[in-house]
Amino acid sequence: MLGLTSQGYSQRDIAKTLQIGLGTVNKDLLFLRQQARENLQYHIHDRIPEEYQNCMTGLKRIIKLTTEIADTVTDPKTKLQAFAQLTDGYRYIMELTTGGVILTDAIKYVQGQMDHLNNQEKKLLKDIKNKEEPACDPLGDNIETTNGVF
């Protein structure tokens, strides 16, 4: 079903293609959205901080090793190359450090969007429970109903 939505199929088209009811499609898509939210939460709260820490640790190790090289070599060309590498390493660390503000803003934005989607989902579930036409169409598929039932 996710493949069909990613190809631009409407809920109605998915129901026809899979030969299932529109309500089933709607409920399955709600489930898939919830899974996507959980995956995004995991990515934001677990993967990004872990990768950030790995990156910082690696950069600091590179800086340490490059400093040792710069301190021990006598060839001026090699020394200059080591200093250029150190400069790049420090620049990357600054970008990661100052980019954290951007990351925080992105997390806030994503959480705001998730709150909005959760509210839409609650309205949609309430409409389904009451067997009324949905008050909103979160996928923009213009859900059509017959006799007010999916």
Foldseek 3Di string as FASTA:
>chain_A
DVVCVVVVDFLVRVCVVVVHDSVVSVVVVVVVVVVVVVVVCCCLVPVVVVVLVVLLVVLVVLLVVLVVQLVPDDDPVSNVVSVVSNVVSVVVVVCSVVCVVVSVVVVVVVVVVVVVVVVQVVQQVVLLVVLADGPDDVSPRPDDDDPSHD
